[in-house]
Amino acid sequence: MTRRKKSTSATETAKLRGGRAVLYLRVSDPKQVNTDYDPEGNSIPAQRQACTALAADLGLTVVDESTSSRGGRPRALTAGPGSSR
């Protein structure tokens, strides 16, 4: 099944500008966590690059990230800049 990209209108994008984002990066195999960049998106570095680029395109500031492998719960997020935690 091919996923269809949801298009974001100019109005929706304008509403996001100046917002904050948290990245959730997940792989199913722990070996993929420290793998070099994989253009197919099967590694944490590839997902980080794609998500960071999307956040920049949408005018969002990435304030934190969480990674997960083996399908379990993500590790707790650390308090990022501007966090009230």
PDB file of N, CA and C in Angstrom:
ATOM      1  N   MET A   1       0.834  -1.176   0.000  1.00  0.00           N
ATOM      2  CA  MET A   1       0.000   0.000   0.000  1.00  0.00           C
ATOM      3  C   MET A   1       0.885   1.248   0.000  1.00  0.00           C
ATOM      4  N   THR A   2       0.640   2.136  -0.909  1.00  0.00           N
ATOM      5  CA  THR A   2       1.404   3.364  -1.012  1.00  0.00           C
ATOM      6  C   THR A   2       0.718   4.448  -0.204  1.00  0.00           C
ATOM      7  N   ARG A   3       1.502   5.130   0.610  1.00  0.00           N
ATOM      8  CA  ARG A   3       0.937   6.230   1.387  1.00  0.00           C
ATOM      9  C   ARG A   3       0.902   7.481   0.539  1.00  0.00           C
ATOM     10  N   ARG A   4      -0.180   8.195   0.631  1.00  0.00           N
ATOM     11  CA  ARG A   4      -0.314   9.452  -0.075  1.00  0.00           C
ATOM     12  C   ARG A   4       0.105  10.591   0.825  1.00  0.00           C
ATOM     13  N   LYS A   5       0.930  11.463   0.301  1.00  0.00           N
ATOM     14  CA  LYS A   5       1.343  12.633   1.069  1.00  0.00           C
ATOM     15  C   LYS A   5       0.183  13.592   1.192  1.00  0.00           C
ATOM     16  N   LYS A   6      -0.067  14.043   2.394  1.00  0.00           N
ATOM     17  CA  LYS A   6      -1.092  15.049   2.597  1.00  0.00           C
ATOM     18  C   LYS A   6      -0.483  16.401   2.259  1.00  0.00           C
ATOM     19  N   SER A   7      -1.141  17.128   1.407  1.00  0.00           N
ATOM     20  CA  SER A   7      -0.607  18.439   1.058  1.00  0.00           C
ATOM     21  C   SER A   7      -1.013  19.442   2.137  1.00  0.00           C
ATOM     22  N   THR A   8      -0.128  20.360   2.375  1.00  0.00           N
ATOM     23  CA  THR A   8      -0.384  21.398   3.367  1.00  0.00           C
ATOM     24  C   THR A   8      -0.591  22.706   2.627  1.00  0.00           C
ATOM     25  N   SER A   9      -1.732  23.331   2.858  1.00  0.00           N
ATOM     26  CA  SER A   9      -2.028  24.584   2.167  1.00  0.00           C
ATOM     27  C   SER A   9      -1.169  25.708   2.726  1.00  0.00           C
ATOM     28  N   ALA A  10      -1.082  26.782   1.981  1.00  0.00           N
ATOM     29  CA  ALA A  10      -0.302  27.946   2.417  1.00  0.00           C
ATOM     30  C   ALA A  10      -0.859  28.498   3.723  1.00  0.00           C
ATOM     31  N   THR A  11      -2.179  28.461   3.877  1.00  0.00           N
ATOM     32  CA  THR A  11      -2.803  28.956   5.107  1.00  0.00           C
ATOM     33  C   THR A  11      -2.428  28.079   6.296  1.00  0.00           C
ATOM     34  N   GLU A  12      -2.474  26.766   6.106  1.00  0.00           N
ATOM     35  CA  GLU A  12      -2.101  25.845   7.188  1.00  0.00           C
ATOM     36  C   GLU A  12      -0.634  26.020   7.564  1.00  0.00           C
ATOM     37  N   THR A  13       0.232  26.162   6.560  1.00  0.00           N
ATOM     38  CA  THR A  13       1.657  26.348   6.801  1.00  0.00           C
ATOM     39  C   THR A  13       1.907  27.648   7.559  1.00  0.00           C
ATOM     40  N   ALA A  14       1.218  28.710   7.202  1.00  0.00           N
ATOM     41  CA  ALA A  14       1.391  30.003   7.875  1.00  0.00           C
ATOM     42  C   ALA A  14       1.020  29.901   9.348  1.00  0.00           C
ATOM     43  N   LYS A  15       0.021  29.097   9.674  1.00  0.00           N
ATOM     44  CA  LYS A  15      -0.393  28.922  11.068  1.00  0.00           C
ATOM     45  C   LYS A  15       0.685  28.214  11.891  1.00  0.00           C
ATOM     46  N   LEU A  16       1.506  27.392  11.243  1.00  0.00           N
ATOM     47  CA  LEU A  16       2.541  26.641  11.941  1.00  0.00           C
ATOM     48  C   LEU A  16       3.800  27.457  12.191  1.00  0.00           C
ATOM     49  N   ARG A  17       4.064  28.450  11.367  1.00  0.00           N
ATOM     50  CA  ARG A  17       5.305  29.233  11.461  1.00  0.00           C
ATOM     51  C   ARG A  17       5.525  29.739  12.881  1.00  0.00           C
ATOM     52  N   GLY A  18       6.758  29.556  13.348  1.00  0.00           N
ATOM     53  CA  GLY A  18       7.105  29.992  14.686  1.00  0.00           C
ATOM     54  C   GLY A  18       6.770  28.971  15.756  1.00  0.00           C
ATOM     55  N   GLY A  19       6.171  27.859  15.367  1.00  0.00           N
ATOM     56  CA  GLY A  19       5.812  26.814  16.324  1.00  0.00           C
ATOM     57  C   GLY A  19       6.990  25.926  16.671  1.00  0.00           C
ATOM     58  N   ARG A  20       6.749  24.989  17.547  1.00  0.00           N
ATOM     59  CA  ARG A  20       7.796  24.056  17.980  1.00  0.00           C
ATOM     60  C   ARG A  20       7.411  22.641  17.578  1.00  0.00           C
ATOM     61  N   ALA A  21       8.423  21.811  17.386  1.00  0.00           N
ATOM     62  CA  ALA A  21       8.201  20.423  17.001  1.00  0.00           C
ATOM     63  C   ALA A  21       9.077  19.499  17.839  1.00  0.00           C
ATOM     64  N   VAL A  22       8.565  18.310  18.083  1.00  0.00           N
ATOM     65  CA  VAL A  22       9.323  17.242  18.726  1.00  0.00           C
ATOM     66  C   VAL A  22       9.362  16.091  17.731  1.00  0.00           C
ATOM     67  N   LEU A  23      10.555  15.574  17.465  1.00  0.00           N
ATOM     68  CA  LEU A  23      10.701  14.471  16.521  1.00  0.00           C
ATOM     69  C   LEU A  23      10.570  13.139  17.252  1.00  0.00           C
ATOM     70  N   TYR A  24       9.820  12.222  16.655  1.00  0.00           N
ATOM     71  CA  TYR A  24       9.745  10.848  17.154  1.00  0.00           C
ATOM     72  C   TYR A  24      10.307   9.968  16.044  1.00  0.00           C
ATOM     73  N   LEU A  25      11.484   9.403  16.280  1.00  0.00           N
ATOM     74  CA  LEU A  25      12.197   8.600  15.285  1.00  0.00           C
ATOM     75  C   LEU A  25      12.190   7.159  15.751  1.00  0.00           C
ATOM     76  N   ARG A  26      11.734   6.243  14.878  1.00  0.00           N
ATOM     77  CA  ARG A  26      11.573   4.856  15.295  1.00  0.00           C
ATOM     78  C   ARG A  26      12.084   3.893  14.237  1.00  0.00           C
ATOM     79  N   VAL A  27      12.744   2.844  14.693  1.00  0.00           N
ATOM     80  CA  VAL A  27      13.161   1.743  13.829  1.00  0.00           C
ATOM     81  C   VAL A  27      12.747   0.443  14.504  1.00  0.00           C
ATOM     82  N   SER A  28      12.607  -0.605  13.714  1.00  0.00           N
ATOM     83  CA  SER A  28      12.177  -1.881  14.273  1.00  0.00           C
ATOM     84  C   SER A  28      13.339  -2.746  14.729  1.00  0.00           C
ATOM     85  N   ASP A  29      14.532  -2.458  14.236  1.00  0.00           N
ATOM     86  CA  ASP A  29      15.700  -3.257  14.584  1.00  0.00           C
ATOM     87  C   ASP A  29      16.730  -2.370  15.276  1.00  0.00           C
ATOM     88  N   PRO A  30      17.179  -2.729  16.477  1.00  0.00           N
ATOM     89  CA  PRO A  30      18.144  -1.898  17.199  1.00  0.00           C
ATOM     90  C   PRO A  30      19.422  -1.610  16.408  1.00  0.00           C
ATOM     91  N   LYS A  31      19.777  -2.469  15.456  1.00  0.00           N
ATOM     92  CA  LYS A  31      20.980  -2.251  14.640  1.00  0.00           C
ATOM     93  C   LYS A  31      20.834  -1.009  13.759  1.00  0.00           C
ATOM     94  N   GLN A  32      19.600  -0.597  13.478  1.00  0.00           N
ATOM     95  CA  GLN A  32      19.367   0.558  12.611  1.00  0.00           C
ATOM     96  C   GLN A  32      19.583   1.884  13.337  1.00  0.00           C
ATOM     97  N   VAL A  33      19.659   1.855  14.654  1.00  0.00           N
ATOM     98  CA  VAL A  33      19.780   3.091  15.424  1.00  0.00           C
ATOM     99  C   VAL A  33      21.068   3.827  15.094  1.00  0.00           C
ATOM    100  N   ASN A  34      22.187   3.137  15.047  1.00  0.00           N
ATOM    101  CA  ASN A  34      23.481   3.774  14.793  1.00  0.00           C
ATOM    102  C   ASN A  34      23.993   3.564  13.380  1.00  0.00           C
ATOM    103  N   THR A  35      23.110   3.172  12.478  1.00  0.00           N
ATOM    104  CA  THR A  35      23.480   2.955  11.088  1.00  0.00           C
ATOM    105  C   THR A  35      23.702   4.295  10.406  1.00  0.00           C
ATOM    106  N   ASP A  36      24.646   4.323   9.485  1.00  0.00           N
ATOM    107  CA  ASP A  36      24.863   5.536   8.707  1.00  0.00           C
ATOM    108  C   ASP A  36      23.595   5.877   7.944  1.00  0.00           C
ATOM    109  N   TYR A  37      23.587   7.051   7.392  1.00  0.00           N
ATOM    110  CA  TYR A  37      22.434   7.547   6.635  1.00  0.00           C
ATOM    111  C   TYR A  37      21.983   6.534   5.586  1.00  0.00           C
ATOM    112  N   ASP A  38      20.692   6.256   5.560  1.00  0.00           N
ATOM    113  CA  ASP A  38      20.080   5.345   4.596  1.00  0.00           C
ATOM    114  C   ASP A  38      19.011   6.135   3.842  1.00  0.00           C
ATOM    115  N   PRO A  39      19.196   6.370   2.523  1.00  0.00           N
ATOM    116  CA  PRO A  39      18.258   7.208   1.774  1.00  0.00           C
ATOM    117  C   PRO A  39      16.829   6.671   1.746  1.00  0.00           C
ATOM    118  N   GLU A  40      16.634   5.403   2.049  1.00  0.00           N
ATOM    119  CA  GLU A  40      15.284   4.843   2.070  1.00  0.00           C
ATOM    120  C   GLU A  40      14.568   5.139   3.384  1.00  0.00           C
ATOM    121  N   GLY A  41      15.245   5.777   4.321  1.00  0.00           N
ATOM    122  CA  GLY A  41      14.617   6.158   5.574  1.00  0.00           C
ATOM    123  C   GLY A  41      14.631   5.078   6.630  1.00  0.00           C
ATOM    124  N   ASN A  42      15.452   4.036   6.428  1.00  0.00           N
ATOM    125  CA  ASN A  42      15.482   2.915   7.365  1.00  0.00           C
ATOM    126  C   ASN A  42      16.529   3.076   8.457  1.00  0.00           C
ATOM    127  N   SER A  43      16.839   4.289   8.811  1.00  0.00           N
ATOM    128  CA  SER A  43      17.794   4.522   9.886  1.00  0.00           C
ATOM    129  C   SER A  43      17.383   5.780  10.639  1.00  0.00           C
ATOM    130  N   ILE A  44      17.830   5.876  11.875  1.00  0.00           N
ATOM    131  CA  ILE A  44      17.533   7.067  12.674  1.00  0.00           C
ATOM    132  C   ILE A  44      18.111   8.324  12.006  1.00  0.00           C
ATOM    133  N   PRO A  45      19.377   8.295  11.529  1.00  0.00           N
ATOM    134  CA  PRO A  45      19.904   9.504  10.881  1.00  0.00           C
ATOM    135  C   PRO A  45      19.084   9.946   9.659  1.00  0.00           C
ATOM    136  N   ALA A  46      18.603   9.002   8.854  1.00  0.00           N
ATOM    137  CA  ALA A  46      17.805   9.363   7.675  1.00  0.00           C
ATOM    138  C   ALA A  46      16.477   9.985   8.094  1.00  0.00           C
ATOM    139  N   GLN A  47      15.844   9.417   9.108  1.00  0.00           N
ATOM    140  CA  GLN A  47      14.584   9.972   9.592  1.00  0.00           C
ATOM    141  C   GLN A  47      14.801  11.363  10.197  1.00  0.00           C
ATOM    142  N   ARG A  48      15.899  11.512  10.953  1.00  0.00           N
ATOM    143  CA  ARG A  48      16.204  12.807  11.574  1.00  0.00           C
ATOM    144  C   ARG A  48      16.365  13.870  10.490  1.00  0.00           C
ATOM    145  N   GLN A  49      17.113  13.552   9.433  1.00  0.00           N
ATOM    146  CA  GLN A  49      17.340  14.514   8.354  1.00  0.00           C
ATOM    147  C   GLN A  49      16.022  14.894   7.678  1.00  0.00           C
ATOM    148  N   ALA A  50      15.186  13.907   7.377  1.00  0.00           N
ATOM    149  CA  ALA A  50      13.913  14.182   6.701  1.00  0.00           C
ATOM    150  C   ALA A  50      12.973  15.007   7.583  1.00  0.00           C
ATOM    151  N   CYS A  51      12.891  14.656   8.850  1.00  0.00           N
ATOM    152  CA  CYS A  51      11.994  15.375   9.760  1.00  0.00           C
ATOM    153  C   CYS A  51      12.475  16.788  10.042  1.00  0.00           C
ATOM    154  N   THR A  52      13.779  16.956  10.185  1.00  0.00           N
ATOM    155  CA  THR A  52      14.342  18.282  10.430  1.00  0.00           C
ATOM    156  C   THR A  52      14.106  19.184   9.218  1.00  0.00           C
ATOM    157  N   ALA A  53      14.268  18.633   8.017  1.00  0.00           N
ATOM    158  CA  ALA A  53      14.025  19.408   6.792  1.00  0.00           C
ATOM    159  C   ALA A  53      12.548  19.805   6.687  1.00  0.00           C
ATOM    160  N   LEU A  54      11.644  18.886   7.005  1.00  0.00           N
ATOM    161  CA  LEU A  54      10.216  19.192   6.960  1.00  0.00           C
ATOM    162  C   LEU A  54       9.865  20.278   7.981  1.00  0.00           C
ATOM    163  N   ALA A  55      10.402  20.151   9.184  1.00  0.00           N
ATOM    164  CA  ALA A  55      10.140  21.168  10.210  1.00  0.00           C
ATOM    165  C   ALA A  55      10.611  22.537   9.733  1.00  0.00           C
ATOM    166  N   ALA A  56      11.795  22.599   9.136  1.00  0.00           N
ATOM    167  CA  ALA A  56      12.319  23.873   8.620  1.00  0.00           C
ATOM    168  C   ALA A  56      11.412  24.426   7.523  1.00  0.00           C
ATOM    169  N   ASP A  57      10.959  23.562   6.616  1.00  0.00           N
ATOM    170  CA  ASP A  57      10.056  23.996   5.544  1.00  0.00           C
ATOM    171  C   ASP A  57       8.756  24.571   6.098  1.00  0.00           C
ATOM    172  N   LEU A  58       8.301  24.029   7.220  1.00  0.00           N
ATOM    173  CA  LEU A  58       7.049  24.481   7.827  1.00  0.00           C
ATOM    174  C   LEU A  58       7.259  25.629   8.817  1.00  0.00           C
ATOM    175  N   GLY A  59       8.507  26.049   8.988  1.00  0.00           N
ATOM    176  CA  GLY A  59       8.793  27.151   9.890  1.00  0.00           C
ATOM    177  C   GLY A  59       8.752  26.764  11.357  1.00  0.00           C
ATOM    178  N   LEU A  60       8.983  25.492  11.646  1.00  0.00           N
ATOM    179  CA  LEU A  60       8.962  25.002  13.026  1.00  0.00           C
ATOM    180  C   LEU A  60      10.375  24.880  13.578  1.00  0.00           C
ATOM    181  N   THR A  61      10.509  25.048  14.880  1.00  0.00           N
ATOM    182  CA  THR A  61      11.784  24.858  15.566  1.00  0.00           C
ATOM    183  C   THR A  61      11.741  23.507  16.270  1.00  0.00           C
ATOM    184  N   VAL A  62      12.702  22.649  15.965  1.00  0.00           N
ATOM    185  CA  VAL A  62      12.778  21.346  16.637  1.00  0.00           C
ATOM    186  C   VAL A  62      13.359  21.578  18.023  1.00  0.00           C
ATOM    187  N   VAL A  63      12.580  21.251  19.053  1.00  0.00           N
ATOM    188  CA  VAL A  63      13.010  21.497  20.427  1.00  0.00           C
ATOM    189  C   VAL A  63      13.432  20.223  21.151  1.00  0.00           C
ATOM    190  N   ASP A  64      13.086  19.066  20.601  1.00  0.00           N
ATOM    191  CA  ASP A  64      13.451  17.813  21.255  1.00  0.00           C
ATOM    192  C   ASP A  64      13.220  16.666  20.286  1.00  0.00           C
ATOM    193  N   GLU A  65      13.730  15.494  20.665  1.00  0.00           N
ATOM    194  CA  GLU A  65      13.462  14.305  19.873  1.00  0.00           C
ATOM    195  C   GLU A  65      13.455  13.086  20.787  1.00  0.00           C
ATOM    196  N   SER A  66      12.776  12.066  20.327  1.00  0.00           N
ATOM    197  CA  SER A  66      12.738  10.800  21.035  1.00  0.00           C
ATOM    198  C   SER A  66      12.991   9.703  20.013  1.00  0.00           C
ATOM    199  N   THR A  67      13.772   8.707  20.390  1.00  0.00           N
ATOM    200  CA  THR A  67      14.024   7.590  19.497  1.00  0.00           C
ATOM    201  C   THR A  67      13.536   6.305  20.142  1.00  0.00           C
ATOM    202  N   SER A  68      13.160   5.364  19.295  1.00  0.00           N
ATOM    203  CA  SER A  68      12.664   4.088  19.783  1.00  0.00           C
ATOM    204  C   SER A  68      13.089   2.994  18.815  1.00  0.00           C
ATOM    205  N   SER A  69      13.428   1.854  19.371  1.00  0.00           N
ATOM    206  CA  SER A  69      13.681   0.675  18.552  1.00  0.00           C
ATOM    207  C   SER A  69      12.941  -0.492  19.189  1.00  0.00           C
ATOM    208  N   ARG A  70      12.703  -1.515  18.417  1.00  0.00           N
ATOM    209  CA  ARG A  70      11.999  -2.720  18.873  1.00  0.00           C
ATOM    210  C   ARG A  70      10.520  -2.509  19.155  1.00  0.00           C
ATOM    211  N   GLY A  71       9.931  -1.464  18.679  1.00  0.00           N
ATOM    212  CA  GLY A  71       8.487  -1.299  18.804  1.00  0.00           C
ATOM    213  C   GLY A  71       7.978  -1.017  20.203  1.00  0.00           C
ATOM    214  N   GLY A  72       8.866  -0.784  21.156  1.00  0.00           N
ATOM    215  CA  GLY A  72       8.418  -0.478  22.505  1.00  0.00           C
ATOM    216  C   GLY A  72       8.056   0.987  22.638  1.00  0.00           C
ATOM    217  N   ARG A  73       7.855   1.413  23.851  1.00  0.00           N
ATOM    218  CA  ARG A  73       7.565   2.822  24.097  1.00  0.00           C
ATOM    219  C   ARG A  73       8.832   3.640  23.909  1.00  0.00           C
ATOM    220  N   PRO A  74       8.696   4.890  23.461  1.00  0.00           N
ATOM    221  CA  PRO A  74       9.888   5.727  23.304  1.00  0.00           C
ATOM    222  C   PRO A  74      10.466   6.090  24.659  1.00  0.00           C
ATOM    223  N   ARG A  75      11.777   6.334  24.661  1.00  0.00           N
ATOM    224  CA  ARG A  75      12.391   6.785  25.907  1.00  0.00           C
ATOM    225  C   ARG A  75      11.812   8.145  26.244  1.00  0.00           C
ATOM    226  N   ALA A  76      11.866   8.518  27.486  1.00  0.00           N
ATOM    227  CA  ALA A  76      11.297   9.799  27.912  1.00  0.00           C
ATOM    228  C   ALA A  76      11.988  10.948  27.200  1.00  0.00           C
ATOM    229  N   LEU A  77      11.217  11.949  26.857  1.00  0.00           N
ATOM    230  CA  LEU A  77      11.778  13.126  26.226  1.00  0.00           C
ATOM    231  C   LEU A  77      12.534  13.941  27.263  1.00  0.00           C
ATOM    232  N   THR A  78      13.602  14.553  26.811  1.00  0.00           N
ATOM    233  CA  THR A  78      14.342  15.444  27.709  1.00  0.00           C
ATOM    234  C   THR A  78      13.715  16.827  27.592  1.00  0.00           C
ATOM    235  N   ALA A  79      13.902  17.616  28.592  1.00  0.00           N
ATOM    236  CA  ALA A  79      13.345  18.971  28.542  1.00  0.00           C
ATOM    237  C   ALA A  79      14.150  19.784  27.546  1.00  0.00           C
ATOM    238  N   GLY A  80      13.498  20.278  26.521  1.00  0.00           N
ATOM    239  CA  GLY A  80      14.175  21.060  25.502  1.00  0.00           C
ATOM    240  C   GLY A  80      14.107  22.544  25.812  1.00  0.00           C
ATOM    241  N   PRO A  81      14.718  23.348  24.964  1.00  0.00           N
ATOM    242  CA  PRO A  81      14.700  24.789  25.157  1.00  0.00           C
ATOM    243  C   PRO A  81      13.269  25.300  25.241  1.00  0.00           C
ATOM    244  N   GLY A  82      12.991  26.142  26.195  1.00  0.00           N
ATOM    245  CA  GLY A  82      11.668  26.724  26.331  1.00  0.00           C
ATOM    246  C   GLY A  82      10.655  25.810  26.973  1.00  0.00           C
ATOM    247  N   SER A  83      11.101  24.645  27.421  1.00  0.00           N
ATOM    248  CA  SER A  83      10.181  23.689  28.031  1.00  0.00           C
ATOM    249  C   SER A  83       9.872  24.109  29.452  1.00  0.00           C
ATOM    250  N   SER A  84       8.667  23.790  29.877  1.00  0.00           N
ATOM    251  CA  SER A  84       8.289  24.124  31.251  1.00  0.00           C
ATOM    252  C   SER A  84       8.498  22.937  32.182  1.00  0.00           C
ATOM    253  N   ARG A  85       9.119  21.867  31.669  1.00  0.00           N
ATOM    254  CA  ARG A  85       9.357  20.692  32.501  1.00  0.00           C
ATOM    255  C   ARG A  85      10.544  20.849  33.379  1.00  0.00           C
TER     256      ARG A  85
END
